[in-house]
Amino acid sequence: MHLILTWFLLSVAVWLTAAILPGFKVTGFWGAIKAAAVFGTLNWLLGWFFFAVLSIVTLGIGYVLAFITHWIVMAIILKIADKLSSSIEIKDFRTALLGALIMTGIDSLIQHFAGVPHW
């Protein structure tokens, strides 16, 4: 049940981000649900790998500045999701960076007010 709720809340965050940010588009709310599924799966499969690689490449500074590293990883995964899914379209990497920041903020607020515990 927690997974479905988290997926739905991420879908809302994707949908609201698309409404706020020019160059970040989803094909309706169902498109946001599909995009959230692709993004969530990629984040689960590849997020730790990209985080580790960026931490090593930056000689540990990426690990110390984990927020920035996670932000960049989310932007990379958003661009990969853009290429894999027709439900989401992101103009460029700058838009992906802004989208990742907005999505994180919206998702955190929604999860906080919905009372969803973080694992």
Protein backbone atom coordinates (compact mmCIF):
# COMPACT_ATOMS: atom_id res chain seq x y z
CA MET A 1 0.00 0.00 0.00
CA HIS A 2 2.89 2.36 0.81
CA LEU A 3 4.36 1.84 -2.67
CA ILE A 4 1.08 2.72 -4.40
CA LEU A 5 0.60 5.83 -2.26
CA THR A 6 4.18 6.97 -2.87
CA TRP A 7 3.76 6.37 -6.62
CA PHE A 8 0.54 8.39 -6.66
CA LEU A 9 2.13 11.26 -4.74
CA LEU A 10 5.12 11.26 -7.10
CA SER A 11 2.64 11.37 -10.00
CA VAL A 12 1.04 14.47 -8.50
CA ALA A 13 4.51 16.04 -8.11
CA VAL A 14 5.35 15.27 -11.77
CA TRP A 15 2.01 16.68 -12.92
CA LEU A 16 2.37 19.88 -10.88
CA THR A 17 5.96 20.32 -12.04
CA ALA A 18 4.77 20.10 -15.64
CA ALA A 19 2.13 22.74 -14.89
CA ILE A 20 4.71 25.09 -13.33
CA LEU A 21 7.85 24.64 -15.44
CA PRO A 22 7.97 25.55 -19.15
CA GLY A 23 9.79 22.88 -21.17
CA PHE A 24 8.68 20.10 -18.79
CA LYS A 25 5.62 18.40 -20.28
CA VAL A 26 3.54 15.34 -19.51
CA THR A 27 0.58 14.00 -21.47
CA GLY A 28 -2.14 14.61 -18.86
CA PHE A 29 -2.45 13.04 -15.44
CA TRP A 30 -2.23 9.47 -16.83
CA GLY A 31 0.98 10.52 -18.52
CA ALA A 32 2.22 11.77 -15.15
CA ILE A 33 1.38 8.38 -13.62
CA LYS A 34 3.32 6.59 -16.40
CA ALA A 35 6.23 9.04 -16.12
CA ALA A 36 6.34 8.58 -12.34
CA ALA A 37 6.43 4.80 -12.82
CA VAL A 38 9.32 5.04 -15.30
CA PHE A 39 11.17 7.60 -13.15
CA GLY A 40 10.62 5.63 -9.93
CA THR A 41 11.79 2.38 -11.51
CA LEU A 42 14.89 4.01 -12.99
CA ASN A 43 15.63 5.75 -9.70
CA TRP A 44 15.34 2.45 -7.85
CA LEU A 45 17.50 0.59 -10.40
CA LEU A 46 20.13 3.23 -11.23
CA GLY A 47 19.96 5.99 -8.61
CA TRP A 48 22.41 4.36 -6.20
CA PHE A 49 24.82 3.63 -9.09
CA PHE A 50 24.86 7.20 -10.38
CA PHE A 51 25.23 8.53 -6.83
CA ALA A 52 28.22 6.24 -6.20
CA VAL A 53 29.86 7.14 -9.52
CA LEU A 54 29.45 10.89 -8.93
CA SER A 55 30.78 10.51 -5.39
CA ILE A 56 33.88 8.68 -6.64
CA VAL A 57 34.47 10.98 -9.63
CA THR A 58 34.31 14.06 -7.39
CA LEU A 59 36.74 12.41 -4.95
CA GLY A 60 34.22 12.19 -2.15
CA ILE A 61 32.96 15.75 -2.37
CA GLY A 62 29.76 14.40 -3.97
CA TYR A 63 29.20 12.27 -0.91
CA VAL A 64 29.75 15.20 1.43
CA LEU A 65 27.39 17.36 -0.64
CA ALA A 66 24.81 14.58 -0.95
CA PHE A 67 21.88 16.92 -1.61
CA ILE A 68 23.52 18.35 -4.72
CA THR A 69 24.61 14.91 -5.89
CA HIS A 70 21.08 13.51 -5.47
CA TRP A 71 19.70 16.54 -7.31
CA ILE A 72 22.02 15.93 -10.28
CA VAL A 73 21.23 12.19 -10.24
CA MET A 74 17.50 12.96 -10.31
CA ALA A 75 18.00 15.27 -13.30
CA ILE A 76 19.96 12.57 -15.15
CA ILE A 77 17.25 10.01 -14.41
CA LEU A 78 14.56 12.46 -15.57
CA LYS A 79 16.38 12.84 -18.90
CA ILE A 80 16.65 9.05 -19.23
CA ALA A 81 12.92 8.75 -18.44
CA ASP A 82 12.28 11.39 -21.12
CA LYS A 83 14.09 9.22 -23.68
CA LEU A 84 12.36 5.98 -22.62
CA SER A 85 8.79 7.24 -22.26
CA SER A 86 6.52 9.14 -24.60
CA SER A 87 4.56 10.38 -21.57
CA ILE A 88 7.18 12.93 -20.51
CA GLU A 89 9.12 15.51 -22.50
CA ILE A 90 11.94 17.59 -21.06
CA LYS A 91 13.47 20.29 -23.25
CA ASP A 92 17.06 20.20 -21.98
CA PHE A 93 19.25 19.32 -18.99
CA ARG A 94 18.73 22.74 -17.39
CA THR A 95 14.98 22.08 -17.41
CA ALA A 96 15.64 18.63 -15.94
CA LEU A 97 17.66 20.21 -13.11
CA LEU A 98 14.90 22.71 -12.34
CA GLY A 99 12.27 19.96 -12.67
CA ALA A 100 14.14 17.71 -10.25
CA LEU A 101 14.34 20.53 -7.73
CA ILE A 102 10.66 21.42 -8.05
CA MET A 103 9.57 17.76 -8.00
CA THR A 104 11.57 17.13 -4.85
CA GLY A 105 10.08 20.14 -3.11
CA ILE A 106 6.51 19.33 -4.12
CA ASP A 107 6.89 15.62 -3.30
CA SER A 108 8.38 16.39 0.13
CA LEU A 109 5.57 18.82 0.97
CA ILE A 110 2.85 16.43 -0.19
CA GLN A 111 4.36 13.48 1.70
CA HIS A 112 4.76 15.60 4.83
CA PHE A 113 1.16 16.80 4.82
CA ALA A 114 -0.19 13.39 3.77
CA GLY A 115 1.65 11.83 6.69
CA VAL A 116 3.55 9.31 4.57
CA PRO A 117 6.56 8.00 6.51
CA HIS A 118 9.94 7.95 4.75
CA TRP A 119 11.76 4.65 4.83
